[in-house]
Amino acid sequence: MGAPMNRHSDQVVNDIPARYFLVLGTAAADLWSELPQELQHRLFEHAVVLGHQGEQDESLREQLAKFLHDHHERTLAR
């Protein structure tokens, strides 16, 4: 399960839209292994595009893939 909101800075907690995005993203990560593979792929690709903010650097893609692999129920036992 995701980290409680009180672990995040006051700036994020006091910025209501940022808090909503944070909790929605945390919920998606928590439920990742239960999502259909097509939805996982769409969310992943969209996150990479949003995270790049115009950059062509592929390191975010690699880091995000590793994060999901390390936290994904089906891959933890490997």
PDB file of N, CA and C in Angstrom:
ATOM      1  N   MET A   1       0.842  -1.181   0.000  1.00  0.00           N
ATOM      2  CA  MET A   1       0.000   0.000   0.000  1.00  0.00           C
ATOM      3  C   MET A   1       0.880   1.234   0.000  1.00  0.00           C
ATOM      4  N   GLY A   2       0.398   2.316  -0.541  1.00  0.00           N
ATOM      5  CA  GLY A   2       1.169   3.541  -0.664  1.00  0.00           C
ATOM      6  C   GLY A   2       1.438   4.213   0.668  1.00  0.00           C
ATOM      7  N   ALA A   3       2.371   5.147   0.638  1.00  0.00           N
ATOM      8  CA  ALA A   3       2.730   5.886   1.839  1.00  0.00           C
ATOM      9  C   ALA A   3       1.611   6.849   2.207  1.00  0.00           C
ATOM     10  N   PRO A   4       1.367   7.044   3.508  1.00  0.00           N
ATOM     11  CA  PRO A   4       0.342   8.002   3.925  1.00  0.00           C
ATOM     12  C   PRO A   4       0.697   9.411   3.478  1.00  0.00           C
ATOM     13  N   MET A   5      -0.312  10.216   3.269  1.00  0.00           N
ATOM     14  CA  MET A   5      -0.100  11.582   2.796  1.00  0.00           C
ATOM     15  C   MET A   5       0.751  12.406   3.754  1.00  0.00           C
ATOM     16  N   ASN A   6       0.721  12.134   5.055  1.00  0.00           N
ATOM     17  CA  ASN A   6       1.463  12.968   5.994  1.00  0.00           C
ATOM     18  C   ASN A   6       2.972  12.857   5.830  1.00  0.00           C
ATOM     19  N   ARG A   7       3.455  11.970   4.995  1.00  0.00           N
ATOM     20  CA  ARG A   7       4.893  11.857   4.741  1.00  0.00           C
ATOM     21  C   ARG A   7       5.366  12.843   3.672  1.00  0.00           C
ATOM     22  N   HIS A   8       4.463  13.538   3.048  1.00  0.00           N
ATOM     23  CA  HIS A   8       4.820  14.458   1.972  1.00  0.00           C
ATOM     24  C   HIS A   8       4.879  15.881   2.507  1.00  0.00           C
ATOM     25  N   SER A   9       5.581  16.715   1.791  1.00  0.00           N
ATOM     26  CA  SER A   9       5.803  18.081   2.255  1.00  0.00           C
ATOM     27  C   SER A   9       4.492  18.845   2.375  1.00  0.00           C
ATOM     28  N   ASP A  10       4.504  19.854   3.233  1.00  0.00           N
ATOM     29  CA  ASP A  10       3.335  20.709   3.401  1.00  0.00           C
ATOM     30  C   ASP A  10       2.961  21.372   2.087  1.00  0.00           C
ATOM     31  N   GLN A  11       3.958  21.662   1.252  1.00  0.00           N
ATOM     32  CA  GLN A  11       3.698  22.320  -0.028  1.00  0.00           C
ATOM     33  C   GLN A  11       2.773  21.466  -0.885  1.00  0.00           C
ATOM     34  N   VAL A  12       3.027  20.160  -0.983  1.00  0.00           N
ATOM     35  CA  VAL A  12       2.188  19.280  -1.784  1.00  0.00           C
ATOM     36  C   VAL A  12       0.826  19.121  -1.131  1.00  0.00           C
ATOM     37  N   VAL A  13       0.789  18.925   0.186  1.00  0.00           N
ATOM     38  CA  VAL A  13      -0.473  18.723   0.895  1.00  0.00           C
ATOM     39  C   VAL A  13      -1.354  19.962   0.777  1.00  0.00           C
ATOM     40  N   ASN A  14      -0.750  21.145   0.808  1.00  0.00           N
ATOM     41  CA  ASN A  14      -1.525  22.387   0.727  1.00  0.00           C
ATOM     42  C   ASN A  14      -1.908  22.749  -0.698  1.00  0.00           C
ATOM     43  N   ASP A  15      -1.302  22.139  -1.702  1.00  0.00           N
ATOM     44  CA  ASP A  15      -1.653  22.351  -3.101  1.00  0.00           C
ATOM     45  C   ASP A  15      -2.657  21.259  -3.462  1.00  0.00           C
ATOM     46  N   ILE A  16      -3.944  21.589  -3.383  1.00  0.00           N
ATOM     47  CA  ILE A  16      -5.006  20.591  -3.525  1.00  0.00           C
ATOM     48  C   ILE A  16      -4.907  19.810  -4.838  1.00  0.00           C
ATOM     49  N   PRO A  17      -4.774  20.447  -6.017  1.00  0.00           N
ATOM     50  CA  PRO A  17      -4.644  19.646  -7.241  1.00  0.00           C
ATOM     51  C   PRO A  17      -3.439  18.713  -7.214  1.00  0.00           C
ATOM     52  N   ALA A  18      -2.304  19.172  -6.704  1.00  0.00           N
ATOM     53  CA  ALA A  18      -1.118  18.315  -6.618  1.00  0.00           C
ATOM     54  C   ALA A  18      -1.387  17.133  -5.689  1.00  0.00           C
ATOM     55  N   ARG A  19      -2.114  17.377  -4.608  1.00  0.00           N
ATOM     56  CA  ARG A  19      -2.455  16.286  -3.683  1.00  0.00           C
ATOM     57  C   ARG A  19      -3.334  15.259  -4.379  1.00  0.00           C
ATOM     58  N   TYR A  20      -4.298  15.713  -5.163  1.00  0.00           N
ATOM     59  CA  TYR A  20      -5.181  14.785  -5.877  1.00  0.00           C
ATOM     60  C   TYR A  20      -4.383  13.940  -6.873  1.00  0.00           C
ATOM     61  N   PHE A  21      -3.486  14.579  -7.628  1.00  0.00           N
ATOM     62  CA  PHE A  21      -2.650  13.831  -8.565  1.00  0.00           C
ATOM     63  C   PHE A  21      -1.762  12.840  -7.823  1.00  0.00           C
ATOM     64  N   LEU A  22      -1.234  13.253  -6.689  1.00  0.00           N
ATOM     65  CA  LEU A  22      -0.370  12.389  -5.893  1.00  0.00           C
ATOM     66  C   LEU A  22      -1.128  11.150  -5.410  1.00  0.00           C
ATOM     67  N   VAL A  23      -2.312  11.338  -4.848  1.00  0.00           N
ATOM     68  CA  VAL A  23      -3.044  10.181  -4.326  1.00  0.00           C
ATOM     69  C   VAL A  23      -3.574   9.298  -5.448  1.00  0.00           C
ATOM     70  N   LEU A  24      -3.965   9.895  -6.579  1.00  0.00           N
ATOM     71  CA  LEU A  24      -4.396   9.074  -7.713  1.00  0.00           C
ATOM     72  C   LEU A  24      -3.237   8.253  -8.275  1.00  0.00           C
ATOM     73  N   GLY A  25      -2.077   8.864  -8.372  1.00  0.00           N
ATOM     74  CA  GLY A  25      -0.899   8.147  -8.854  1.00  0.00           C
ATOM     75  C   GLY A  25      -0.488   7.032  -7.906  1.00  0.00           C
ATOM     76  N   THR A  26      -0.551   7.307  -6.613  1.00  0.00           N
ATOM     77  CA  THR A  26      -0.220   6.292  -5.621  1.00  0.00           C
ATOM     78  C   THR A  26      -1.208   5.134  -5.691  1.00  0.00           C
ATOM     79  N   ALA A  27      -2.491   5.451  -5.856  1.00  0.00           N
ATOM     80  CA  ALA A  27      -3.506   4.403  -5.971  1.00  0.00           C
ATOM     81  C   ALA A  27      -3.264   3.545  -7.209  1.00  0.00           C
ATOM     82  N   ALA A  28      -2.932   4.182  -8.328  1.00  0.00           N
ATOM     83  CA  ALA A  28      -2.654   3.432  -9.560  1.00  0.00           C
ATOM     84  C   ALA A  28      -1.448   2.509  -9.363  1.00  0.00           C
ATOM     85  N   ALA A  29      -0.405   3.001  -8.699  1.00  0.00           N
ATOM     86  CA  ALA A  29       0.781   2.177  -8.447  1.00  0.00           C
ATOM     87  C   ALA A  29       0.438   1.010  -7.521  1.00  0.00           C
ATOM     88  N   ASP A  30      -0.381   1.273  -6.517  1.00  0.00           N
ATOM     89  CA  ASP A  30      -0.769   0.218  -5.580  1.00  0.00           C
ATOM     90  C   ASP A  30      -1.573  -0.884  -6.267  1.00  0.00           C
ATOM     91  N   LEU A  31      -2.382  -0.506  -7.248  1.00  0.00           N
ATOM     92  CA  LEU A  31      -3.258  -1.463  -7.933  1.00  0.00           C
ATOM     93  C   LEU A  31      -2.680  -1.961  -9.255  1.00  0.00           C
ATOM     94  N   TRP A  32      -1.444  -1.581  -9.546  1.00  0.00           N
ATOM     95  CA  TRP A  32      -0.830  -1.846 -10.849  1.00  0.00           C
ATOM     96  C   TRP A  32      -1.006  -3.293 -11.301  1.00  0.00           C
ATOM     97  N   SER A  33      -0.727  -4.247 -10.435  1.00  0.00           N
ATOM     98  CA  SER A  33      -0.768  -5.661 -10.836  1.00  0.00           C
ATOM     99  C   SER A  33      -2.183  -6.143 -11.127  1.00  0.00           C
ATOM    100  N   GLU A  34      -3.181  -5.399 -10.688  1.00  0.00           N
ATOM    101  CA  GLU A  34      -4.574  -5.771 -10.936  1.00  0.00           C
ATOM    102  C   GLU A  34      -5.130  -5.142 -12.218  1.00  0.00           C
ATOM    103  N   LEU A  35      -4.400  -4.199 -12.796  1.00  0.00           N
ATOM    104  CA  LEU A  35      -4.865  -3.505 -13.995  1.00  0.00           C
ATOM    105  C   LEU A  35      -4.633  -4.375 -15.228  1.00  0.00           C
ATOM    106  N   PRO A  36      -5.545  -4.272 -16.211  1.00  0.00           N
ATOM    107  CA  PRO A  36      -5.311  -4.994 -17.472  1.00  0.00           C
ATOM    108  C   PRO A  36      -4.007  -4.513 -18.119  1.00  0.00           C
ATOM    109  N   GLN A  37      -3.331  -5.417 -18.803  1.00  0.00           N
ATOM    110  CA  GLN A  37      -2.025  -5.105 -19.393  1.00  0.00           C
ATOM    111  C   GLN A  37      -2.102  -3.917 -20.353  1.00  0.00           C
ATOM    112  N   GLU A  38      -3.155  -3.815 -21.145  1.00  0.00           N
ATOM    113  CA  GLU A  38      -3.286  -2.687 -22.071  1.00  0.00           C
ATOM    114  C   GLU A  38      -3.349  -1.358 -21.319  1.00  0.00           C
ATOM    115  N   LEU A  39      -4.080  -1.328 -20.205  1.00  0.00           N
ATOM    116  CA  LEU A  39      -4.157  -0.102 -19.403  1.00  0.00           C
ATOM    117  C   LEU A  39      -2.808   0.203 -18.754  1.00  0.00           C
ATOM    118  N   GLN A  40      -2.104  -0.830 -18.283  1.00  0.00           N
ATOM    119  CA  GLN A  40      -0.756  -0.623 -17.742  1.00  0.00           C
ATOM    120  C   GLN A  40       0.135   0.037 -18.793  1.00  0.00           C
ATOM    121  N   HIS A  41       0.091  -0.486 -20.005  1.00  0.00           N
ATOM    122  CA  HIS A  41       0.926   0.052 -21.089  1.00  0.00           C
ATOM    123  C   HIS A  41       0.573   1.511 -21.382  1.00  0.00           C
ATOM    124  N   ARG A  42      -0.712   1.818 -21.474  1.00  0.00           N
ATOM    125  CA  ARG A  42      -1.141   3.199 -21.765  1.00  0.00           C
ATOM    126  C   ARG A  42      -0.727   4.149 -20.656  1.00  0.00           C
ATOM    127  N   LEU A  43      -0.926   3.744 -19.396  1.00  0.00           N
ATOM    128  CA  LEU A  43      -0.527   4.590 -18.271  1.00  0.00           C
ATOM    129  C   LEU A  43       0.985   4.804 -18.250  1.00  0.00           C
ATOM    130  N   PHE A  44       1.733   3.730 -18.481  1.00  0.00           N
ATOM    131  CA  PHE A  44       3.192   3.809 -18.483  1.00  0.00           C
ATOM    132  C   PHE A  44       3.676   4.777 -19.557  1.00  0.00           C
ATOM    133  N   GLU A  45       3.200   4.604 -20.772  1.00  0.00           N
ATOM    134  CA  GLU A  45       3.636   5.464 -21.881  1.00  0.00           C
ATOM    135  C   GLU A  45       3.243   6.914 -21.634  1.00  0.00           C
ATOM    136  N   HIS A  46       2.056   7.140 -21.089  1.00  0.00           N
ATOM    137  CA  HIS A  46       1.614   8.508 -20.810  1.00  0.00           C
ATOM    138  C   HIS A  46       2.472   9.138 -19.709  1.00  0.00           C
ATOM    139  N   ALA A  47       2.811   8.348 -18.696  1.00  0.00           N
ATOM    140  CA  ALA A  47       3.668   8.855 -17.621  1.00  0.00           C
ATOM    141  C   ALA A  47       5.041   9.239 -18.156  1.00  0.00           C
ATOM    142  N   VAL A  48       5.580   8.429 -19.060  1.00  0.00           N
ATOM    143  CA  VAL A  48       6.892   8.729 -19.649  1.00  0.00           C
ATOM    144  C   VAL A  48       6.824  10.036 -20.434  1.00  0.00           C
ATOM    145  N   VAL A  49       5.783  10.205 -21.223  1.00  0.00           N
ATOM    146  CA  VAL A  49       5.633  11.440 -22.003  1.00  0.00           C
ATOM    147  C   VAL A  49       5.501  12.642 -21.069  1.00  0.00           C
ATOM    148  N   LEU A  50       4.672  12.526 -20.044  1.00  0.00           N
ATOM    149  CA  LEU A  50       4.498  13.634 -19.098  1.00  0.00           C
ATOM    150  C   LEU A  50       5.792  13.937 -18.346  1.00  0.00           C
ATOM    151  N   GLY A  51       6.513  12.902 -17.993  1.00  0.00           N
ATOM    152  CA  GLY A  51       7.739  13.076 -17.224  1.00  0.00           C
ATOM    153  C   GLY A  51       8.888  13.648 -18.015  1.00  0.00           C
ATOM    154  N   HIS A  52       8.905  13.402 -19.298  1.00  0.00           N
ATOM    155  CA  HIS A  52      10.004  13.902 -20.129  1.00  0.00           C
ATOM    156  C   HIS A  52       9.946  15.408 -20.297  1.00  0.00           C
ATOM    157  N   GLN A  53       8.771  15.975 -20.364  1.00  0.00           N
ATOM    158  CA  GLN A  53       8.601  17.420 -20.533  1.00  0.00           C
ATOM    159  C   GLN A  53       9.505  17.965 -21.630  1.00  0.00           C
ATOM    160  N   GLY A  54       9.472  17.305 -22.778  1.00  0.00           N
ATOM    161  CA  GLY A  54      10.235  17.768 -23.929  1.00  0.00           C
ATOM    162  C   GLY A  54      11.601  17.141 -24.069  1.00  0.00           C
ATOM    163  N   GLU A  55      12.057  16.397 -23.077  1.00  0.00           N
ATOM    164  CA  GLU A  55      13.365  15.758 -23.152  1.00  0.00           C
ATOM    165  C   GLU A  55      13.285  14.500 -24.013  1.00  0.00           C
ATOM    166  N   GLN A  56      14.386  14.107 -24.584  1.00  0.00           N
ATOM    167  CA  GLN A  56      14.462  12.868 -25.347  1.00  0.00           C
ATOM    168  C   GLN A  56      15.186  11.786 -24.547  1.00  0.00           C
ATOM    169  N   ASP A  57      15.450  12.057 -23.273  1.00  0.00           N
ATOM    170  CA  ASP A  57      16.183  11.141 -22.407  1.00  0.00           C
ATOM    171  C   ASP A  57      15.322   9.922 -22.084  1.00  0.00           C
ATOM    172  N   GLU A  58      15.866   8.738 -22.302  1.00  0.00           N
ATOM    173  CA  GLU A  58      15.142   7.495 -22.030  1.00  0.00           C
ATOM    174  C   GLU A  58      15.353   7.001 -20.598  1.00  0.00           C
ATOM    175  N   SER A  59      16.126   7.717 -19.787  1.00  0.00           N
ATOM    176  CA  SER A  59      16.399   7.233 -18.438  1.00  0.00           C
ATOM    177  C   SER A  59      15.130   7.160 -17.600  1.00  0.00           C
ATOM    178  N   LEU A  60      14.182   8.065 -17.796  1.00  0.00           N
ATOM    179  CA  LEU A  60      12.930   8.013 -17.049  1.00  0.00           C
ATOM    180  C   LEU A  60      12.188   6.718 -17.361  1.00  0.00           C
ATOM    181  N   ARG A  61      12.135   6.342 -18.624  1.00  0.00           N
ATOM    182  CA  ARG A  61      11.464   5.096 -19.025  1.00  0.00           C
ATOM    183  C   ARG A  61      12.092   3.905 -18.295  1.00  0.00           C
ATOM    184  N   GLU A  62      13.421   3.865 -18.277  1.00  0.00           N
ATOM    185  CA  GLU A  62      14.129   2.765 -17.623  1.00  0.00           C
ATOM    186  C   GLU A  62      13.904   2.774 -16.114  1.00  0.00           C
ATOM    187  N   GLN A  63      13.968   3.950 -15.514  1.00  0.00           N
ATOM    188  CA  GLN A  63      13.776   4.062 -14.065  1.00  0.00           C
ATOM    189  C   GLN A  63      12.351   3.686 -13.669  1.00  0.00           C
ATOM    190  N   LEU A  64      11.378   4.143 -14.432  1.00  0.00           N
ATOM    191  CA  LEU A  64       9.983   3.821 -14.141  1.00  0.00           C
ATOM    192  C   LEU A  64       9.727   2.332 -14.318  1.00  0.00           C
ATOM    193  N   ALA A  65      10.293   1.731 -15.354  1.00  0.00           N
ATOM    194  CA  ALA A  65      10.129   0.293 -15.577  1.00  0.00           C
ATOM    195  C   ALA A  65      10.729  -0.494 -14.414  1.00  0.00           C
ATOM    196  N   LYS A  66      11.906  -0.091 -13.954  1.00  0.00           N
ATOM    197  CA  LYS A  66      12.530  -0.777 -12.820  1.00  0.00           C
ATOM    198  C   LYS A  66      11.690  -0.616 -11.560  1.00  0.00           C
ATOM    199  N   PHE A  67      11.189   0.587 -11.314  1.00  0.00           N
ATOM    200  CA  PHE A  67      10.343   0.828 -10.143  1.00  0.00           C
ATOM    201  C   PHE A  67       9.125  -0.088 -10.162  1.00  0.00           C
ATOM    202  N   LEU A  68       8.441  -0.139 -11.288  1.00  0.00           N
ATOM    203  CA  LEU A  68       7.247  -0.978 -11.381  1.00  0.00           C
ATOM    204  C   LEU A  68       7.603  -2.450 -11.238  1.00  0.00           C
ATOM    205  N   HIS A  69       8.694  -2.875 -11.855  1.00  0.00           N
ATOM    206  CA  HIS A  69       9.132  -4.266 -11.736  1.00  0.00           C
ATOM    207  C   HIS A  69       9.437  -4.615 -10.278  1.00  0.00           C
ATOM    208  N   ASP A  70      10.112  -3.710  -9.578  1.00  0.00           N
ATOM    209  CA  ASP A  70      10.490  -3.955  -8.185  1.00  0.00           C
ATOM    210  C   ASP A  70       9.296  -3.945  -7.236  1.00  0.00           C
ATOM    211  N   HIS A  71       8.178  -3.328  -7.639  1.00  0.00           N
ATOM    212  CA  HIS A  71       7.007  -3.213  -6.765  1.00  0.00           C
ATOM    213  C   HIS A  71       5.802  -4.000  -7.264  1.00  0.00           C
ATOM    214  N   HIS A  72       5.949  -4.701  -8.361  1.00  0.00           N
ATOM    215  CA  HIS A  72       4.850  -5.418  -8.989  1.00  0.00           C
ATOM    216  C   HIS A  72       4.722  -6.794  -8.342  1.00  0.00           C
ATOM    217  N   GLU A  73       3.528  -7.145  -7.861  1.00  0.00           N
ATOM    218  CA  GLU A  73       3.311  -8.416  -7.153  1.00  0.00           C
ATOM    219  C   GLU A  73       3.822  -9.619  -7.947  1.00  0.00           C
ATOM    220  N   ARG A  74       3.589  -9.640  -9.232  1.00  0.00           N
ATOM    221  CA  ARG A  74       3.958 -10.816 -10.029  1.00  0.00           C
ATOM    222  C   ARG A  74       5.455 -10.951 -10.244  1.00  0.00           C
ATOM    223  N   THR A  75       6.221  -9.883 -10.001  1.00  0.00           N
ATOM    224  CA  THR A  75       7.662  -9.950 -10.224  1.00  0.00           C
ATOM    225  C   THR A  75       8.460  -9.938  -8.932  1.00  0.00           C
ATOM    226  N   LEU A  76       7.825  -9.726  -7.805  1.00  0.00           N
ATOM    227  CA  LEU A  76       8.547  -9.667  -6.525  1.00  0.00           C
ATOM    228  C   LEU A  76       9.179 -11.010  -6.172  1.00  0.00           C
ATOM    229  N   ALA A  77       8.539 -12.117  -6.518  1.00  0.00           N
ATOM    230  CA  ALA A  77       9.027 -13.433  -6.136  1.00  0.00           C
ATOM    231  C   ALA A  77      10.173 -13.916  -7.031  1.00  0.00           C
ATOM    232  N   ARG A  78      10.417 -13.252  -8.145  1.00  0.00           N
ATOM    233  CA  ARG A  78      11.474 -13.682  -9.080  1.00  0.00           C
ATOM    234  C   ARG A  78      12.850 -13.414  -8.561  1.00  0.00           C
TER     235      ARG A  78
END
